[in-house]
Amino acid sequence: MTTPLEPDFQPAYHELHRVGRPGWWRSLLGSIVLIVLVFGLVPAVLGLAALVALLVGGSSAEDASSALDVTSNVTPFGLGLLNVLLGSAILSSWLVLWLFHRLKPRWLSSVAPRLRWRFLLACLPLAVVALVASLGAAILLPTAGAAGEPVGSVNDFTSTTRDFLLVIALLTPFQAAGEEYVFRGYLTQAFGSLLPWRRVSLVLAVLAPAVLFALAHGLGQSWPVFFDRFAFGVVAGILVIRTGGLEAAIAMHVLNNFFAYGLALAFGDMTESLNASGPASPWMIVSTLTQSLVYLGLASWVATAMGVSRQGPPVGAVRRPPAGDPVLAAPPPRV
């Protein structure tokens, strides 16, 4: 049963599905469809297209399969394809939002409704500060085992390194944004709209996507790595709701991935970095919490200082065209 909304009800970001087509089942079914699209159908179609392209280009079946396999040996082509697959999740989330809720895709970006570029750009240096704080904490922590061994010598700069840098620079922001539109975008709105109780919905909207986000990175990861990704999801989810949009989460995600890829290219191995297959020290949790809490505080403060909108327009501002599809209508805020 759908709870009627008062005309002056102003939905927070995670409640926006409630002003779409009525029916809690739409959010649940839409989430399932989106996950199937992002992690099943689209990868199968694009992966097959890439395989055919490599074979037509003269690659052997073995070489083509190796180039596409990012679990055993990451290549620039494989990383690029993976980033395109994850980046295409933006389109998938837009499609599901429109099909199931008849809300325009821009309502996934923020309550503005649009991507607020000034706020996003302001969050980038904050993500750098938080990252530096986490590195400072890591230096002071004890090390243990393989996870705490010192970084080795700098890797040689090769043509492969150059290709990786180009892929990372051009496609990583696209990939990070794609993940945010799925987990902190549609899924946050879906879980936040399932139940009529606002406080329960708030907790569910943060924790459920964070768990799914961590699980999506692999079931075989060690528990410190799982916690690292779960903590990232929790902080990103809180920021999305507190700021009314995806900008802060996207900025933190992009900087994190740039740093991880850069560290792997300079000192480590891209395959191990991407799959997080090695052991991890529990002490990394302290560094993770340092980064998360510093960024949460800074981004929240900047959002308040910039007057970023946290809620959408009142339900009374919803226009219902003849077809009965809800369309939020309100002048966008400045930020």
Protein backbone atom coordinates (compact mmCIF):
# COMPACT_ATOMS: atom_id res chain seq x y z
CA MET A 1 0.00 0.00 0.00
CA THR A 2 1.30 3.44 -0.91
CA THR A 3 1.09 6.08 1.83
CA PRO A 4 -0.47 9.33 0.54
CA LEU A 5 1.87 12.30 0.62
CA GLU A 6 0.95 15.71 1.96
CA PRO A 7 1.10 18.56 -0.58
CA ASP A 8 3.86 20.27 1.41
CA PHE A 9 5.98 17.10 1.70
CA GLN A 10 9.51 17.83 0.45
CA PRO A 11 11.33 14.62 -0.42
CA ALA A 12 14.97 14.20 0.49
CA TYR A 13 17.18 12.65 -2.19
CA HIS A 14 16.54 9.08 -1.03
CA GLU A 15 12.76 9.61 -1.06
CA LEU A 16 12.36 10.81 -4.65
CA HIS A 17 10.83 7.54 -5.88
CA ARG A 18 7.86 8.28 -3.65
CA VAL A 19 6.79 11.13 -5.91
CA GLY A 20 7.04 8.97 -9.01
CA ARG A 21 4.49 6.40 -10.09
CA PRO A 22 2.92 4.89 -6.95
CA GLY A 23 3.83 1.41 -5.77
CA TRP A 24 6.71 0.29 -3.55
CA TRP A 25 7.18 -2.74 -5.79
CA ARG A 26 8.44 -0.47 -8.57
CA SER A 27 11.57 0.35 -6.56
CA LEU A 28 12.17 -3.30 -5.72
CA LEU A 29 11.63 -4.58 -9.26
CA GLY A 30 13.57 -1.65 -10.72
CA SER A 31 16.55 -2.50 -8.51
CA ILE A 32 16.55 -6.09 -9.73
CA VAL A 33 16.29 -5.01 -13.36
CA LEU A 34 19.09 -2.48 -12.93
CA ILE A 35 21.44 -5.03 -11.35
CA VAL A 36 20.71 -7.51 -14.16
CA LEU A 37 21.40 -4.80 -16.75
CA VAL A 38 24.62 -3.50 -15.18
CA PHE A 39 26.18 -6.78 -14.14
CA GLY A 40 24.64 -9.19 -16.64
CA LEU A 41 23.08 -8.09 -19.89
CA VAL A 42 25.20 -5.05 -20.79
CA PRO A 43 28.56 -6.73 -19.99
CA ALA A 44 27.52 -9.76 -22.06
CA VAL A 45 26.57 -7.66 -25.08
CA LEU A 46 29.55 -5.29 -24.94
CA GLY A 47 31.95 -8.10 -24.09
CA LEU A 48 30.79 -10.11 -27.10
CA ALA A 49 31.09 -7.04 -29.33
CA ALA A 50 34.65 -6.41 -28.08
CA LEU A 51 35.59 -10.06 -28.61
CA VAL A 52 34.31 -9.99 -32.18
CA ALA A 53 36.16 -6.73 -32.85
CA LEU A 54 39.44 -8.23 -31.61
CA LEU A 55 38.98 -11.36 -33.70
CA VAL A 56 38.15 -9.35 -36.81
CA GLY A 57 41.22 -7.22 -36.11
CA GLY A 58 43.46 -10.26 -36.38
CA SER A 59 43.85 -11.37 -32.76
CA SER A 60 43.73 -15.06 -31.97
CA ALA A 61 40.94 -16.38 -29.78
CA GLU A 62 43.43 -16.94 -26.94
CA ASP A 63 44.87 -13.42 -27.17
CA ALA A 64 41.41 -11.86 -27.41
CA SER A 65 40.18 -13.74 -24.34
CA SER A 66 43.32 -12.76 -22.43
CA ALA A 67 42.87 -9.09 -23.33
CA LEU A 68 39.32 -9.11 -22.00
CA ASP A 69 40.03 -11.05 -18.78
CA VAL A 70 40.69 -8.52 -16.00
CA THR A 71 40.89 -11.19 -13.28
CA SER A 72 44.13 -12.86 -14.39
CA ASN A 73 46.00 -10.23 -16.39
CA VAL A 74 44.70 -6.67 -16.72
CA THR A 75 45.56 -5.00 -20.02
CA PRO A 76 44.85 -1.38 -21.02
CA PHE A 77 42.17 -2.65 -23.41
CA GLY A 78 40.56 -4.77 -20.70
CA LEU A 79 40.62 -1.92 -18.17
CA GLY A 80 39.18 0.44 -20.76
CA LEU A 81 36.36 -1.95 -21.57
CA LEU A 82 35.62 -2.45 -17.86
CA ASN A 83 35.44 1.32 -17.36
CA VAL A 84 33.11 1.69 -20.34
CA LEU A 85 30.88 -1.08 -18.98
CA LEU A 86 30.64 0.55 -15.56
CA GLY A 87 30.26 4.01 -17.06
CA SER A 88 27.33 2.80 -19.16
CA ALA A 89 25.54 2.13 -15.86
CA ILE A 90 24.60 5.81 -15.93
CA LEU A 91 22.42 5.19 -18.98
CA SER A 92 21.00 2.00 -17.45
CA SER A 93 20.02 3.79 -14.24
CA TRP A 94 18.40 6.62 -16.22
CA LEU A 95 16.43 4.11 -18.26
CA VAL A 96 15.16 2.22 -15.21
CA LEU A 97 14.21 5.45 -13.42
CA TRP A 98 12.11 6.54 -16.38
CA LEU A 99 10.54 3.16 -17.15
CA PHE A 100 9.48 2.30 -13.60
CA HIS A 101 8.88 5.72 -12.03
CA ARG A 102 8.40 8.09 -14.96
CA LEU A 103 10.87 10.51 -13.38
CA LYS A 104 13.26 12.34 -15.65
CA PRO A 105 16.86 11.05 -15.48
CA ARG A 106 18.16 14.35 -14.11
CA TRP A 107 16.55 13.53 -10.73
CA LEU A 108 19.24 10.92 -10.17
CA SER A 109 21.97 13.59 -10.23
CA SER A 110 20.53 15.73 -7.43
CA VAL A 111 17.42 17.42 -6.10
CA ALA A 112 18.38 20.49 -8.15
CA PRO A 113 17.69 18.55 -10.54
CA ARG A 114 21.02 18.44 -12.34
CA LEU A 115 24.67 17.75 -11.64
CA ARG A 116 25.90 20.74 -9.64
CA TRP A 117 29.34 21.21 -11.13
CA ARG A 118 30.46 24.01 -8.82
CA PHE A 119 29.89 21.80 -5.79
CA LEU A 120 31.51 18.78 -7.45
CA LEU A 121 34.65 20.77 -8.33
CA ALA A 122 34.77 22.18 -4.81
CA CYS A 123 34.76 18.64 -3.42
CA LEU A 124 37.79 17.49 -5.44
CA PRO A 125 40.41 19.30 -3.30
CA LEU A 126 38.56 18.11 -0.19
CA ALA A 127 39.01 14.53 -1.36
CA VAL A 128 42.74 15.22 -1.75
CA VAL A 129 42.95 16.56 1.82
CA ALA A 130 41.13 13.51 3.16
CA LEU A 131 43.42 11.21 1.19
CA VAL A 132 46.51 12.93 2.60
CA ALA A 133 45.07 12.58 6.09
CA SER A 134 44.61 8.84 5.56
CA LEU A 135 48.19 8.50 4.31
CA GLY A 136 49.40 10.35 7.39
CA ALA A 137 47.48 7.95 9.59
CA ALA A 138 48.85 4.96 7.65
CA ILE A 139 52.44 6.10 8.24
CA LEU A 140 51.88 6.03 12.00
CA LEU A 141 50.30 2.59 12.02
CA PRO A 142 52.16 -0.66 12.73
CA THR A 143 52.56 -3.07 9.84
CA ALA A 144 52.07 -6.78 9.75
CA GLY A 145 52.82 -9.46 7.20
CA ALA A 146 52.61 -9.04 3.50
CA ALA A 147 50.12 -6.22 3.72
CA GLY A 148 52.56 -4.12 5.69
CA GLU A 149 55.69 -4.69 3.67
CA PRO A 150 57.34 -1.51 2.38
CA VAL A 151 56.72 -0.38 -1.17
CA GLY A 152 59.32 -1.67 -3.61
CA SER A 153 61.19 0.12 -6.35
CA VAL A 154 59.48 2.23 -8.97
CA ASN A 155 58.22 0.29 -11.98
CA ASP A 156 59.70 1.00 -15.40
CA PHE A 157 57.76 3.37 -17.62
CA THR A 158 56.78 1.46 -20.74
CA SER A 159 54.34 1.84 -23.61
CA THR A 160 51.89 -0.26 -21.58
CA THR A 161 52.23 2.19 -18.69
CA ARG A 162 51.46 5.02 -21.10
CA ASP A 163 48.37 3.23 -22.39
CA PHE A 164 47.16 2.57 -18.85
CA LEU A 165 47.60 6.26 -18.00
CA LEU A 166 45.52 7.31 -20.99
CA VAL A 167 42.74 4.86 -20.12
CA ILE A 168 42.75 5.93 -16.46
CA ALA A 169 42.75 9.66 -17.23
CA LEU A 170 39.98 9.48 -19.82
CA LEU A 171 37.67 6.78 -18.47
CA THR A 172 38.08 6.56 -14.68
CA PRO A 173 35.79 9.56 -13.95
CA PHE A 174 33.18 7.98 -16.22
CA GLN A 175 33.52 4.63 -14.44
CA ALA A 176 33.36 6.14 -10.93
CA ALA A 177 30.29 8.18 -11.83
CA GLY A 178 28.61 5.07 -13.25
CA GLU A 179 29.02 3.20 -9.98
CA GLU A 180 27.68 6.19 -8.05
CA TYR A 181 24.59 6.49 -10.24
CA VAL A 182 23.80 2.85 -9.52
CA PHE A 183 24.62 2.46 -5.82
CA ARG A 184 24.27 5.97 -4.39
CA GLY A 185 21.78 6.97 -7.08
CA TYR A 186 19.04 4.56 -8.03
CA LEU A 187 19.56 2.00 -5.24
CA THR A 188 19.69 4.70 -2.56
CA GLN A 189 16.41 6.13 -3.84
CA ALA A 190 14.93 2.64 -4.14
CA PHE A 191 15.73 1.50 -0.60
CA GLY A 192 14.84 4.92 0.76
CA SER A 193 11.36 4.68 -0.75
CA LEU A 194 10.40 1.12 0.17
CA LEU A 195 9.06 1.88 3.65
CA PRO A 196 6.83 4.74 4.91
CA TRP A 197 8.89 5.39 8.06
CA ARG A 198 11.39 8.15 7.29
CA ARG A 199 14.02 7.25 9.90
CA VAL A 200 14.00 3.56 9.00
CA SER A 201 14.13 4.45 5.31
CA LEU A 202 17.10 6.72 5.95
CA VAL A 203 19.13 3.94 7.58
CA LEU A 204 18.12 1.42 4.92
CA ALA A 205 19.00 3.85 2.12
CA VAL A 206 22.57 4.17 3.45
CA LEU A 207 23.39 0.66 4.64
CA ALA A 208 21.80 -1.56 1.95
CA PRO A 209 23.57 0.06 -1.06
CA ALA A 210 26.84 0.12 0.92
CA VAL A 211 26.66 -3.64 1.49
CA LEU A 212 25.79 -4.29 -2.16
CA PHE A 213 28.59 -1.98 -3.28
CA ALA A 214 31.15 -3.91 -1.21
CA LEU A 215 29.82 -7.28 -2.39
CA ALA A 216 29.91 -6.16 -6.03
CA HIS A 217 33.71 -5.96 -5.80
CA GLY A 218 34.04 -9.71 -5.23
CA LEU A 219 33.03 -12.36 -2.73
CA GLY A 220 36.61 -13.52 -2.18
CA GLN A 221 37.97 -10.25 -0.77
CA SER A 222 39.44 -10.18 2.72
CA TRP A 223 37.35 -8.68 5.47
CA PRO A 224 39.52 -5.53 5.89
CA VAL A 225 39.11 -4.82 2.16
CA PHE A 226 35.37 -5.49 2.40
CA PHE A 227 35.11 -3.11 5.34
CA ASP A 228 37.10 -0.50 3.41
CA ARG A 229 34.57 -0.57 0.57
CA PHE A 230 31.61 -0.80 2.93
CA ALA A 231 32.85 2.25 4.86
CA PHE A 232 33.27 4.14 1.60
CA GLY A 233 29.68 3.25 0.69
CA VAL A 234 28.35 4.40 4.05
CA VAL A 235 30.14 7.76 3.91
CA ALA A 236 29.15 8.31 0.28
CA GLY A 237 25.54 7.43 1.10
CA ILE A 238 25.43 9.84 4.03
CA LEU A 239 26.88 12.60 1.87
CA VAL A 240 24.38 11.98 -0.92
CA ILE A 241 21.48 12.40 1.49
CA ARG A 242 23.01 15.32 3.42
CA THR A 243 23.87 17.23 0.25
CA GLY A 244 20.93 16.14 -1.90
CA GLY A 245 23.01 14.79 -4.77
CA LEU A 246 25.82 12.59 -6.08
CA GLU A 247 28.53 15.25 -6.49
CA ALA A 248 30.48 14.69 -3.26
CA ALA A 249 30.39 10.91 -3.68
CA ILE A 250 31.58 11.12 -7.30
CA ALA A 251 34.48 13.42 -6.36
CA MET A 252 35.69 11.09 -3.60
CA HIS A 253 35.29 8.02 -5.82
CA VAL A 254 37.25 9.54 -8.70
CA LEU A 255 40.15 10.63 -6.47
CA ASN A 256 40.28 7.25 -4.72
CA ASN A 257 40.48 5.41 -8.03
CA PHE A 258 43.08 7.78 -9.46
CA PHE A 259 45.25 7.22 -6.40
CA ALA A 260 44.82 3.42 -6.38
CA TYR A 261 45.57 3.08 -10.09
CA GLY A 262 48.50 5.48 -9.88
CA LEU A 263 50.02 3.60 -6.96
CA ALA A 264 49.63 0.29 -8.81
CA LEU A 265 51.29 1.67 -11.95
CA ALA A 266 54.16 3.23 -10.04
CA PHE A 267 54.98 0.56 -7.48
CA GLY A 268 52.70 -2.47 -7.76
CA ASP A 269 50.70 -4.61 -10.12
CA MET A 270 47.50 -3.49 -11.83
CA THR A 271 45.89 -6.94 -11.71
CA GLU A 272 46.39 -7.31 -7.96
CA SER A 273 45.21 -3.76 -7.35
CA LEU A 274 42.05 -4.15 -9.41
CA ASN A 275 41.07 -7.50 -7.89
CA ALA A 276 42.35 -6.88 -4.34
CA SER A 277 43.37 -10.52 -4.24
CA GLY A 278 46.21 -10.20 -1.75
CA PRO A 279 46.05 -10.16 2.06
CA ALA A 280 45.26 -6.91 3.85
CA SER A 281 46.17 -5.71 7.31
CA PRO A 282 43.33 -4.93 9.72
CA TRP A 283 45.18 -1.69 10.49
CA MET A 284 44.00 -0.33 7.14
CA ILE A 285 40.62 0.20 8.81
CA VAL A 286 42.09 3.06 10.86
CA SER A 287 43.36 4.73 7.72
CA THR A 288 40.00 4.16 6.01
CA LEU A 289 38.07 5.70 8.88
CA THR A 290 40.42 8.68 8.97
CA GLN A 291 39.86 9.43 5.31
CA SER A 292 36.11 8.84 5.51
CA LEU A 293 35.48 11.01 8.56
CA VAL A 294 37.71 13.85 7.37
CA TYR A 295 36.00 13.95 3.99
CA LEU A 296 32.53 13.65 5.54
CA GLY A 297 33.18 16.65 7.76
CA LEU A 298 34.77 18.81 5.06
CA ALA A 299 32.21 18.06 2.35
CA SER A 300 29.30 18.63 4.74
CA TRP A 301 30.75 21.98 5.79
CA VAL A 302 31.31 23.11 2.20
CA ALA A 303 27.80 22.03 1.22
CA THR A 304 26.36 24.16 4.02
CA ALA A 305 28.59 27.12 3.13
CA MET A 306 27.54 26.94 -0.54
CA GLY A 307 23.85 26.61 0.32
CA VAL A 308 23.47 23.31 -1.49
CA SER A 309 19.86 22.14 -1.59
CA ARG A 310 19.11 19.01 0.43
CA GLN A 311 15.44 18.52 -0.44
CA GLY A 312 13.37 18.49 -3.58
CA PRO A 313 10.35 20.70 -4.27
CA PRO A 314 7.08 20.11 -2.38
CA VAL A 315 4.82 17.39 -3.70
CA GLY A 316 2.33 20.16 -4.43
CA ALA A 317 4.71 21.28 -7.18
CA VAL A 318 4.26 17.98 -9.02
CA ARG A 319 2.47 18.36 -12.33
CA ARG A 320 0.49 15.35 -13.56
CA PRO A 321 0.15 15.39 -17.35
CA PRO A 322 -2.83 13.70 -19.02
CA ALA A 323 -0.95 10.40 -19.10
CA GLY A 324 -0.65 10.54 -15.30
CA ASP A 325 3.13 10.51 -15.19
CA PRO A 326 4.60 12.64 -12.38
CA VAL A 327 7.00 15.39 -13.34
CA LEU A 328 8.59 17.45 -10.58
CA ALA A 329 8.46 21.12 -11.49
CA ALA A 330 10.44 23.68 -9.56
CA PRO A 331 13.11 26.27 -10.37
CA PRO A 332 16.56 24.78 -9.79
CA PRO A 333 18.68 26.28 -6.99
CA ARG A 334 21.81 28.22 -7.78
CA VAL A 335 24.26 25.53 -6.67
